[in-house]
């Protein structure tokens, strides 16, 4: 029997391989269409952009999530986060974990992490491994505070949506894109 960590690692490997093969074999018009500012989308991200840029300096990030109060809003699934700016620079956190119970219905959770420095964040994508029978998560908001050598920056995304959507064909990610077009 696989441990939960091994199962998660195998699942993420399968997801990334699936994304890569889908991107290589598909020229989907939905991935080519531009999103209007503020749209919530479940379109596939570029698999290559999930890799962090190790040449950038590290910054301190505080990510705050608010789980909705709807029945069934909480999750025990592994949640990952990718944020980027208009120029495509991004930072990826493979697991939001603060050592406590998190993503509980009606709760606010704070995660302190280090990652590559990216300023002017305007787009964020949440990923789930959907590893539990009731793995759906209703996300109200995601906020981030970044501390760099030049100062600090704050950003909040209003999500108000389920991750994944409440059906078996749902995508395992959710994007909120507020970048200027």
N, C-alpha and C. Protein backbone atom coordinates (compact mmCIF):
# COMPACT_ATOMS: atom_id res chain seq x y z
N UNK A 1 0.84 -1.18 0.00
CA UNK A 1 0.00 0.00 0.00
C UNK A 1 0.89 1.25 0.00
N UNK A 2 0.55 2.21 -0.87
CA UNK A 2 1.35 3.42 -0.97
C UNK A 2 1.01 4.39 0.15
N UNK A 3 2.04 5.11 0.62
CA UNK A 3 1.79 6.15 1.61
C UNK A 3 1.10 7.33 0.93
N UNK A 4 0.40 8.19 1.70
CA UNK A 4 -0.27 9.35 1.08
C UNK A 4 0.70 10.24 0.30
N UNK A 5 1.92 10.43 0.82
CA UNK A 5 2.90 11.28 0.13
C UNK A 5 3.31 10.66 -1.21
N UNK A 6 3.55 9.34 -1.22
CA UNK A 6 3.91 8.65 -2.46
C UNK A 6 2.76 8.70 -3.46
N UNK A 7 1.54 8.51 -2.96
CA UNK A 7 0.35 8.56 -3.82
C UNK A 7 0.20 9.96 -4.43
N UNK A 8 0.41 11.01 -3.61
CA UNK A 8 0.32 12.39 -4.11
C UNK A 8 1.37 12.64 -5.17
N UNK A 9 2.60 12.19 -4.91
CA UNK A 9 3.69 12.39 -5.87
C UNK A 9 3.38 11.69 -7.18
N UNK A 10 2.88 10.46 -7.11
CA UNK A 10 2.52 9.73 -8.33
C UNK A 10 1.38 10.42 -9.06
N UNK A 11 0.42 10.94 -8.30
CA UNK A 11 -0.72 11.61 -8.92
C UNK A 11 -0.27 12.89 -9.64
N UNK A 12 0.60 13.69 -8.99
CA UNK A 12 1.08 14.92 -9.63
C UNK A 12 1.91 14.59 -10.88
N UNK A 13 2.70 13.54 -10.81
CA UNK A 13 3.46 13.13 -12.00
C UNK A 13 2.52 12.79 -13.14
N UNK A 14 1.47 12.05 -12.83
CA UNK A 14 0.49 11.68 -13.85
C UNK A 14 -0.22 12.91 -14.41
N UNK A 15 -0.57 13.84 -13.53
CA UNK A 15 -1.23 15.07 -13.99
C UNK A 15 -0.33 15.86 -14.92
N UNK A 16 0.94 16.05 -14.53
CA UNK A 16 1.87 16.81 -15.36
C UNK A 16 2.14 16.12 -16.68
N UNK A 17 2.27 14.78 -16.67
CA UNK A 17 2.46 14.04 -17.92
C UNK A 17 1.22 14.18 -18.81
N UNK A 18 0.04 14.11 -18.20
CA UNK A 18 -1.19 14.28 -18.95
C UNK A 18 -1.30 15.67 -19.55
N UNK A 19 -0.92 16.69 -18.78
CA UNK A 19 -0.93 18.06 -19.30
C UNK A 19 0.01 18.20 -20.49
N UNK A 20 1.22 17.65 -20.33
CA UNK A 20 2.20 17.75 -21.40
C UNK A 20 1.72 17.05 -22.66
N UNK A 21 1.17 15.85 -22.52
CA UNK A 21 0.72 15.13 -23.71
C UNK A 21 -0.49 15.82 -24.34
N UNK A 22 -1.37 16.37 -23.52
CA UNK A 22 -2.53 17.08 -24.04
C UNK A 22 -2.09 18.33 -24.80
N UNK A 23 -1.12 19.05 -24.24
CA UNK A 23 -0.64 20.27 -24.89
C UNK A 23 0.07 19.95 -26.21
N UNK A 24 0.78 18.83 -26.24
CA UNK A 24 1.50 18.47 -27.46
C UNK A 24 0.56 17.94 -28.54
N UNK A 25 -0.53 17.28 -28.14
CA UNK A 25 -1.40 16.66 -29.13
C UNK A 25 -2.63 17.49 -29.48
N UNK A 26 -2.81 18.61 -28.82
CA UNK A 26 -4.04 19.38 -29.02
C UNK A 26 -3.73 20.81 -29.43
N UNK A 27 -4.55 21.32 -30.31
CA UNK A 27 -4.47 22.74 -30.63
C UNK A 27 -5.85 23.33 -30.36
N UNK A 28 -6.29 23.14 -29.16
CA UNK A 28 -7.64 23.53 -28.74
C UNK A 28 -7.87 25.02 -28.89
N UNK A 29 -9.01 25.38 -29.48
CA UNK A 29 -9.32 26.79 -29.63
C UNK A 29 -9.63 27.43 -28.30
N UNK A 30 -10.09 26.64 -27.29
CA UNK A 30 -10.39 27.25 -26.00
C UNK A 30 -9.12 27.72 -25.30
N UNK A 31 -7.99 27.04 -25.52
CA UNK A 31 -6.77 27.50 -24.89
C UNK A 31 -6.18 28.69 -25.63
N UNK A 32 -6.61 28.90 -26.86
CA UNK A 32 -6.11 30.03 -27.62
C UNK A 32 -6.93 31.29 -27.40
N UNK A 33 -8.14 31.13 -26.92
CA UNK A 33 -8.98 32.31 -26.73
C UNK A 33 -8.54 33.09 -25.50
N UNK A 34 -8.58 34.39 -25.59
CA UNK A 34 -8.17 35.25 -24.48
C UNK A 34 -9.31 35.36 -23.48
N UNK A 35 -8.95 35.46 -22.21
CA UNK A 35 -9.94 35.63 -21.17
C UNK A 35 -10.18 37.12 -20.92
N UNK A 36 -11.39 37.49 -20.66
CA UNK A 36 -11.69 38.86 -20.26
C UNK A 36 -11.13 39.07 -18.86
N UNK A 37 -10.73 40.30 -18.53
CA UNK A 37 -10.17 40.58 -17.21
C UNK A 37 -11.15 40.16 -16.13
N UNK A 38 -10.65 39.43 -15.15
CA UNK A 38 -11.47 38.99 -14.04
C UNK A 38 -12.21 37.68 -14.28
N UNK A 39 -12.06 37.07 -15.44
CA UNK A 39 -12.74 35.80 -15.70
C UNK A 39 -12.17 34.69 -14.83
N UNK A 40 -13.03 33.78 -14.41
CA UNK A 40 -12.61 32.56 -13.74
C UNK A 40 -12.63 31.48 -14.80
N UNK A 41 -11.53 30.76 -14.94
CA UNK A 41 -11.40 29.80 -16.02
C UNK A 41 -10.87 28.48 -15.51
N UNK A 42 -11.13 27.42 -16.26
CA UNK A 42 -10.52 26.13 -15.97
C UNK A 42 -9.72 25.65 -17.18
N UNK A 43 -9.20 26.56 -17.98
CA UNK A 43 -8.41 26.15 -19.14
C UNK A 43 -7.05 25.65 -18.69
N UNK A 44 -6.44 24.78 -19.50
CA UNK A 44 -5.16 24.18 -19.15
C UNK A 44 -4.03 25.20 -19.20
N UNK A 45 -3.19 25.24 -18.16
CA UNK A 45 -2.02 26.12 -18.19
C UNK A 45 -0.92 25.47 -19.01
N UNK A 46 0.04 26.26 -19.42
CA UNK A 46 1.20 25.76 -20.14
C UNK A 46 2.03 24.92 -19.18
N UNK A 47 2.23 23.63 -19.48
CA UNK A 47 2.94 22.72 -18.57
C UNK A 47 4.35 23.21 -18.28
N UNK A 48 5.04 23.80 -19.25
CA UNK A 48 6.40 24.29 -19.04
C UNK A 48 6.43 25.41 -18.02
N UNK A 49 5.36 26.17 -17.91
CA UNK A 49 5.34 27.30 -16.99
C UNK A 49 5.14 26.87 -15.54
N UNK A 50 4.90 25.60 -15.29
CA UNK A 50 4.79 25.11 -13.92
C UNK A 50 6.16 24.97 -13.27
N UNK A 51 7.23 24.98 -14.05
CA UNK A 51 8.57 24.86 -13.51
C UNK A 51 9.04 26.22 -12.99
N UNK A 52 9.58 26.27 -11.75
CA UNK A 52 10.05 27.55 -11.22
C UNK A 52 11.32 28.01 -11.90
N UNK A 53 11.52 29.31 -11.97
CA UNK A 53 12.75 29.88 -12.51
C UNK A 53 13.75 29.99 -11.36
N UNK A 54 14.74 29.10 -11.34
CA UNK A 54 15.68 29.04 -10.23
C UNK A 54 16.71 30.17 -10.25
N UNK A 55 16.71 31.00 -11.31
CA UNK A 55 17.65 32.10 -11.39
C UNK A 55 17.14 33.35 -10.67
N UNK A 56 15.89 33.37 -10.27
CA UNK A 56 15.33 34.53 -9.59
C UNK A 56 15.63 34.44 -8.09
N UNK A 57 15.79 35.61 -7.42
CA UNK A 57 16.01 35.58 -5.96
C UNK A 57 14.75 35.11 -5.24
N UNK A 58 14.93 34.68 -3.99
CA UNK A 58 13.80 34.21 -3.19
C UNK A 58 13.16 35.34 -2.40
N UNK A 59 11.84 35.25 -2.24
CA UNK A 59 11.07 36.21 -1.47
C UNK A 59 10.18 35.47 -0.49
N UNK A 60 9.74 36.19 0.54
CA UNK A 60 8.82 35.63 1.54
C UNK A 60 7.39 35.90 1.08
N UNK A 61 6.59 34.85 1.02
CA UNK A 61 5.18 34.94 0.62
C UNK A 61 4.31 34.52 1.79
N UNK A 62 3.23 35.25 2.01
CA UNK A 62 2.18 34.84 2.92
C UNK A 62 0.91 34.72 2.09
N UNK A 63 0.39 33.50 2.00
CA UNK A 63 -0.83 33.25 1.24
C UNK A 63 -1.94 33.01 2.25
N UNK A 64 -3.05 33.71 2.07
CA UNK A 64 -4.21 33.56 2.94
C UNK A 64 -5.38 33.10 2.11
N UNK A 65 -5.98 31.98 2.51
CA UNK A 65 -7.16 31.46 1.80
C UNK A 65 -8.37 31.55 2.72
N UNK A 66 -9.51 31.83 2.13
CA UNK A 66 -10.77 31.82 2.87
C UNK A 66 -11.66 30.78 2.21
N UNK A 67 -12.05 29.78 3.01
CA UNK A 67 -12.95 28.74 2.53
C UNK A 67 -14.38 29.19 2.79
N UNK A 68 -15.25 28.96 1.81
CA UNK A 68 -16.64 29.38 1.92
C UNK A 68 -17.39 28.66 3.02
N UNK A 69 -18.59 29.14 3.29
CA UNK A 69 -19.42 28.58 4.36
C UNK A 69 -20.49 27.62 3.85
N UNK A 70 -20.46 27.33 2.54
CA UNK A 70 -21.44 26.40 1.97
C UNK A 70 -21.24 25.01 2.56
N UNK A 71 -22.30 24.22 2.59
CA UNK A 71 -22.19 22.85 3.06
C UNK A 71 -21.24 22.09 2.12
N UNK A 72 -20.27 21.39 2.71
CA UNK A 72 -19.30 20.64 1.93
C UNK A 72 -18.17 21.48 1.38
N UNK A 73 -18.02 22.72 1.84
CA UNK A 73 -17.03 23.64 1.27
C UNK A 73 -15.59 23.25 1.58
N UNK A 74 -15.33 22.58 2.69
CA UNK A 74 -13.97 22.22 3.07
C UNK A 74 -13.43 21.04 2.30
N UNK A 75 -12.11 20.88 2.32
CA UNK A 75 -11.47 19.75 1.63
C UNK A 75 -10.26 19.27 2.41
N UNK A 76 -9.91 18.02 2.21
CA UNK A 76 -8.67 17.45 2.75
C UNK A 76 -7.68 17.17 1.63
N UNK A 77 -8.03 17.52 0.41
CA UNK A 77 -7.15 17.30 -0.74
C UNK A 77 -5.92 18.20 -0.67
N UNK A 78 -4.88 17.83 -1.39
CA UNK A 78 -3.68 18.66 -1.49
C UNK A 78 -3.97 19.80 -2.46
N UNK A 79 -3.70 21.02 -2.03
CA UNK A 79 -3.93 22.21 -2.85
C UNK A 79 -2.58 22.83 -3.19
N UNK A 80 -2.39 23.14 -4.47
CA UNK A 80 -1.18 23.82 -4.95
C UNK A 80 -1.59 25.16 -5.53
N UNK A 81 -0.62 26.06 -5.64
CA UNK A 81 -0.89 27.42 -6.10
C UNK A 81 0.20 27.91 -7.02
N UNK A 82 -0.22 28.50 -8.13
CA UNK A 82 0.70 29.16 -9.07
C UNK A 82 0.20 30.58 -9.26
N UNK A 83 1.12 31.56 -9.17
CA UNK A 83 0.77 32.97 -9.38
C UNK A 83 1.73 33.53 -10.41
N UNK A 84 1.22 34.45 -11.23
CA UNK A 84 2.10 35.05 -12.23
C UNK A 84 1.73 36.49 -12.51
N UNK A 85 2.65 37.18 -13.18
CA UNK A 85 2.41 38.56 -13.57
C UNK A 85 2.13 38.63 -15.07
N UNK A 86 1.85 39.83 -15.56
CA UNK A 86 1.50 40.02 -16.97
C UNK A 86 2.62 39.53 -17.91
N UNK A 87 3.86 39.64 -17.46
CA UNK A 87 5.00 39.22 -18.27
C UNK A 87 5.24 37.72 -18.29
N UNK A 88 4.46 36.95 -17.54
CA UNK A 88 4.60 35.50 -17.54
C UNK A 88 5.53 34.96 -16.47
N UNK A 89 6.16 35.83 -15.68
CA UNK A 89 6.99 35.34 -14.57
C UNK A 89 6.05 34.73 -13.54
N UNK A 90 6.44 33.59 -12.97
CA UNK A 90 5.53 32.92 -12.05
C UNK A 90 6.27 32.30 -10.87
N UNK A 91 5.49 32.03 -9.84
CA UNK A 91 5.97 31.30 -8.67
C UNK A 91 4.96 30.19 -8.40
N UNK A 92 5.45 29.00 -8.06
CA UNK A 92 4.60 27.83 -7.87
C UNK A 92 4.88 27.22 -6.51
N UNK A 93 3.81 26.97 -5.75
CA UNK A 93 3.91 26.29 -4.47
C UNK A 93 3.17 24.95 -4.61
N UNK A 94 3.92 23.86 -4.49
CA UNK A 94 3.36 22.54 -4.79
C UNK A 94 2.37 22.04 -3.74
N UNK A 95 2.43 22.58 -2.52
CA UNK A 95 1.46 22.16 -1.51
C UNK A 95 1.31 23.26 -0.47
N UNK A 96 0.10 23.77 -0.34
CA UNK A 96 -0.19 24.74 0.71
C UNK A 96 -0.41 23.95 1.99
N UNK A 97 0.53 24.05 2.92
CA UNK A 97 0.45 23.29 4.16
C UNK A 97 1.04 24.13 5.28
N UNK A 98 0.27 24.34 6.33
CA UNK A 98 0.76 25.12 7.48
C UNK A 98 0.92 24.26 8.73
N UNK A 99 0.85 22.94 8.55
CA UNK A 99 1.03 22.03 9.68
C UNK A 99 -0.21 21.89 10.54
N UNK A 100 -1.29 22.52 10.14
CA UNK A 100 -2.55 22.46 10.90
C UNK A 100 -3.64 21.94 9.97
N UNK A 101 -4.83 21.73 10.53
CA UNK A 101 -5.98 21.41 9.67
C UNK A 101 -6.28 22.67 8.87
N UNK A 102 -6.39 22.53 7.57
CA UNK A 102 -6.64 23.70 6.75
C UNK A 102 -7.74 23.40 5.74
N UNK A 103 -8.25 24.45 5.12
CA UNK A 103 -9.32 24.40 4.12
C UNK A 103 -10.61 23.85 4.72
N UNK A 104 -10.87 24.17 5.99
CA UNK A 104 -12.11 23.78 6.65
C UNK A 104 -13.19 24.81 6.33
N UNK A 105 -14.43 24.36 6.27
CA UNK A 105 -15.58 25.21 5.97
C UNK A 105 -15.59 26.46 6.88
N UNK A 106 -15.67 27.65 6.25
CA UNK A 106 -15.75 28.91 6.97
C UNK A 106 -14.46 29.39 7.60
N UNK A 107 -13.33 28.72 7.35
CA UNK A 107 -12.07 29.09 7.99
C UNK A 107 -11.18 29.92 7.07
N UNK A 108 -10.33 30.72 7.72
CA UNK A 108 -9.27 31.46 7.04
C UNK A 108 -7.95 30.79 7.41
N UNK A 109 -7.13 30.48 6.41
CA UNK A 109 -5.85 29.81 6.64
C UNK A 109 -4.72 30.65 6.09
N UNK A 110 -3.59 30.64 6.80
CA UNK A 110 -2.41 31.41 6.41
C UNK A 110 -1.24 30.46 6.21
N UNK A 111 -0.51 30.67 5.10
CA UNK A 111 0.63 29.83 4.75
C UNK A 111 1.83 30.74 4.48
N UNK A 112 2.93 30.55 5.22
CA UNK A 112 4.16 31.31 5.02
C UNK A 112 5.15 30.44 4.27
N UNK A 113 5.63 30.96 3.12
CA UNK A 113 6.52 30.18 2.26
C UNK A 113 7.57 31.08 1.62
N UNK A 114 8.60 30.45 1.11
CA UNK A 114 9.62 31.14 0.32
C UNK A 114 9.49 30.67 -1.12
N UNK A 115 9.66 31.61 -2.05
CA UNK A 115 9.58 31.27 -3.47
C UNK A 115 10.29 32.31 -4.30
N UNK A 116 10.42 32.04 -5.59
CA UNK A 116 11.08 32.99 -6.47
C UNK A 116 10.32 34.31 -6.46
N UNK A 117 11.04 35.41 -6.48
CA UNK A 117 10.44 36.74 -6.40
C UNK A 117 9.72 37.07 -7.70
N UNK A 118 8.45 37.40 -7.59
CA UNK A 118 7.65 37.84 -8.73
C UNK A 118 6.80 39.00 -8.24
N UNK A 119 6.88 40.12 -8.94
CA UNK A 119 6.10 41.29 -8.53
C UNK A 119 4.94 41.50 -9.50
N UNK A 120 4.03 42.38 -9.12
CA UNK A 120 2.86 42.73 -9.93
C UNK A 120 2.03 41.50 -10.30
N UNK A 121 1.77 40.66 -9.32
CA UNK A 121 0.98 39.45 -9.55
C UNK A 121 -0.44 39.82 -9.98
N UNK A 122 -0.95 39.14 -11.01
CA UNK A 122 -2.30 39.45 -11.49
C UNK A 122 -3.08 38.20 -11.87
N UNK A 123 -2.45 37.04 -11.83
CA UNK A 123 -3.12 35.80 -12.23
C UNK A 123 -2.75 34.71 -11.24
N UNK A 124 -3.75 33.90 -10.85
CA UNK A 124 -3.44 32.79 -9.95
C UNK A 124 -4.24 31.57 -10.37
N UNK A 125 -3.59 30.42 -10.19
CA UNK A 125 -4.22 29.14 -10.50
C UNK A 125 -4.09 28.25 -9.28
N UNK A 126 -5.21 27.71 -8.84
CA UNK A 126 -5.24 26.73 -7.77
C UNK A 126 -5.37 25.34 -8.39
N UNK A 127 -4.66 24.38 -7.84
CA UNK A 127 -4.70 23.00 -8.31
C UNK A 127 -5.11 22.12 -7.14
N UNK A 128 -5.83 21.04 -7.41
CA UNK A 128 -6.16 20.06 -6.40
C UNK A 128 -5.78 18.67 -6.90
N UNK A 129 -5.37 17.81 -5.97
CA UNK A 129 -5.13 16.43 -6.37
C UNK A 129 -6.42 15.62 -6.25
N UNK A 130 -7.48 16.24 -5.69
CA UNK A 130 -8.81 15.62 -5.57
C UNK A 130 -8.69 14.20 -5.01
N UNK A 131 -7.86 14.05 -3.98
CA UNK A 131 -7.50 12.73 -3.47
C UNK A 131 -8.49 12.14 -2.47
N UNK A 132 -9.53 12.83 -2.14
CA UNK A 132 -10.50 12.34 -1.17
C UNK A 132 -11.85 12.18 -1.83
N UNK A 133 -12.69 11.33 -1.26
CA UNK A 133 -14.03 11.11 -1.81
C UNK A 133 -14.81 12.42 -1.92
N UNK A 134 -14.67 13.28 -0.93
CA UNK A 134 -15.32 14.58 -0.94
C UNK A 134 -14.23 15.64 -1.03
N UNK A 135 -13.52 15.67 -2.15
CA UNK A 135 -12.35 16.52 -2.31
C UNK A 135 -12.65 17.92 -2.82
N UNK A 136 -13.91 18.22 -3.14
CA UNK A 136 -14.24 19.55 -3.64
C UNK A 136 -13.96 20.60 -2.57
N UNK A 137 -13.60 21.81 -3.02
CA UNK A 137 -13.30 22.91 -2.10
C UNK A 137 -13.97 24.16 -2.63
N UNK A 138 -14.74 24.85 -1.80
CA UNK A 138 -15.34 26.12 -2.21
C UNK A 138 -14.45 27.24 -1.71
N UNK A 139 -13.79 27.92 -2.64
CA UNK A 139 -12.83 28.97 -2.33
C UNK A 139 -13.53 30.32 -2.42
N UNK A 140 -13.49 31.09 -1.34
CA UNK A 140 -14.03 32.45 -1.40
C UNK A 140 -12.97 33.41 -1.93
N UNK A 141 -11.82 33.48 -1.24
CA UNK A 141 -10.75 34.40 -1.67
C UNK A 141 -9.38 33.78 -1.45
N UNK A 142 -8.43 34.29 -2.22
CA UNK A 142 -7.02 33.97 -2.04
C UNK A 142 -6.29 35.31 -2.03
N UNK A 143 -5.52 35.54 -0.99
CA UNK A 143 -4.74 36.79 -0.89
C UNK A 143 -3.27 36.42 -0.73
N UNK A 144 -2.41 37.28 -1.24
CA UNK A 144 -0.97 37.04 -1.10
C UNK A 144 -0.28 38.35 -0.71
N UNK A 145 0.70 38.20 0.13
CA UNK A 145 1.57 39.30 0.50
C UNK A 145 2.99 38.84 0.20
N UNK A 146 3.74 39.65 -0.54
CA UNK A 146 5.11 39.30 -0.93
C UNK A 146 6.05 40.33 -0.33
N UNK A 147 7.09 39.86 0.36
CA UNK A 147 8.10 40.75 0.91
C UNK A 147 9.38 40.56 0.11
N UNK A 148 9.83 41.65 -0.52
CA UNK A 148 11.05 41.62 -1.33
C UNK A 148 12.06 42.59 -0.74
N UNK A 149 13.22 42.66 -1.33
CA UNK A 149 14.24 43.62 -0.88
C UNK A 149 13.80 45.05 -1.17
N UNK A 150 12.82 45.23 -2.09
CA UNK A 150 12.35 46.57 -2.45
C UNK A 150 11.10 46.98 -1.67
N UNK A 151 10.56 46.11 -0.86
CA UNK A 151 9.35 46.44 -0.11
C UNK A 151 8.37 45.29 -0.15
N UNK A 152 7.08 45.61 0.02
CA UNK A 152 6.07 44.55 0.03
C UNK A 152 4.94 44.90 -0.93
N UNK A 153 4.20 43.88 -1.28
CA UNK A 153 3.10 44.00 -2.24
C UNK A 153 1.99 43.06 -1.78
N UNK A 154 0.74 43.49 -1.93
CA UNK A 154 -0.40 42.65 -1.56
C UNK A 154 -1.35 42.54 -2.74
N UNK A 155 -2.03 41.39 -2.82
CA UNK A 155 -2.97 41.14 -3.91
C UNK A 155 -4.03 40.18 -3.40
N UNK A 156 -5.30 40.43 -3.76
CA UNK A 156 -6.39 39.54 -3.39
C UNK A 156 -7.19 39.17 -4.63
N UNK A 157 -7.52 37.89 -4.75
CA UNK A 157 -8.37 37.41 -5.82
C UNK A 157 -9.69 36.94 -5.22
N UNK A 158 -10.79 37.44 -5.74
CA UNK A 158 -12.12 36.97 -5.36
C UNK A 158 -12.44 35.78 -6.26
N UNK A 159 -12.61 34.62 -5.66
CA UNK A 159 -12.81 33.40 -6.43
C UNK A 159 -14.29 32.98 -6.41
N UNK A 160 -14.84 32.77 -5.24
CA UNK A 160 -16.24 32.38 -5.05
C UNK A 160 -16.66 31.25 -6.00
N UNK A 161 -15.88 30.17 -5.97
CA UNK A 161 -16.12 29.07 -6.90
C UNK A 161 -15.64 27.75 -6.30
N UNK A 162 -16.15 26.64 -6.85
CA UNK A 162 -15.74 25.30 -6.44
C UNK A 162 -14.48 24.88 -7.20
N UNK A 163 -13.63 24.14 -6.52
CA UNK A 163 -12.45 23.53 -7.12
C UNK A 163 -12.46 22.07 -6.69
N UNK A 164 -12.52 21.09 -7.52
CA UNK A 164 -12.96 21.20 -8.91
C UNK A 164 -14.46 21.43 -8.96
N UNK A 165 -14.93 21.67 -10.15
CA UNK A 165 -16.37 21.81 -10.34
C UNK A 165 -17.05 20.53 -9.88
N UNK A 166 -18.30 20.58 -9.58
CA UNK A 166 -19.00 19.45 -8.97
C UNK A 166 -19.47 18.42 -10.01
N UNK A 167 -18.54 17.90 -10.80
CA UNK A 167 -18.86 16.76 -11.68
C UNK A 167 -17.57 16.02 -11.99
N UNK A 168 -17.70 14.80 -12.43
CA UNK A 168 -16.52 13.94 -12.62
C UNK A 168 -15.62 14.39 -13.75
N UNK A 169 -16.15 15.16 -14.70
CA UNK A 169 -15.35 15.61 -15.83
C UNK A 169 -14.65 16.94 -15.53
N UNK A 170 -14.77 17.43 -14.31
CA UNK A 170 -14.23 18.74 -13.96
C UNK A 170 -12.70 18.77 -14.04
N UNK A 171 -12.19 19.95 -14.35
CA UNK A 171 -10.74 20.16 -14.35
C UNK A 171 -10.26 20.19 -12.91
N UNK A 172 -9.00 19.85 -12.69
CA UNK A 172 -8.43 19.84 -11.35
C UNK A 172 -7.70 21.14 -11.04
N UNK A 173 -8.07 22.21 -11.73
CA UNK A 173 -7.48 23.51 -11.46
C UNK A 173 -8.50 24.59 -11.75
N UNK A 174 -8.23 25.77 -11.23
CA UNK A 174 -9.12 26.90 -11.38
C UNK A 174 -8.25 28.14 -11.49
N UNK A 175 -8.46 28.94 -12.55
CA UNK A 175 -7.65 30.13 -12.78
C UNK A 175 -8.49 31.39 -12.65
N UNK A 176 -7.93 32.38 -11.96
CA UNK A 176 -8.51 33.72 -11.93
C UNK A 176 -7.47 34.65 -12.55
N UNK A 177 -7.83 35.26 -13.66
CA UNK A 177 -6.90 36.09 -14.43
C UNK A 177 -7.38 37.54 -14.44
N UNK A 178 -6.70 38.38 -13.67
CA UNK A 178 -7.01 39.81 -13.62
C UNK A 178 -5.93 40.62 -14.32
N UNK A 179 -5.09 39.99 -15.13
CA UNK A 179 -4.02 40.70 -15.82
C UNK A 179 -4.62 41.61 -16.89
N UNK A 180 -4.07 42.81 -17.04
CA UNK A 180 -4.55 43.69 -18.12
C UNK A 180 -4.26 43.06 -19.46
N UNK A 181 -5.21 43.20 -20.38
CA UNK A 181 -5.05 42.59 -21.72
C UNK A 181 -4.48 43.60 -22.69
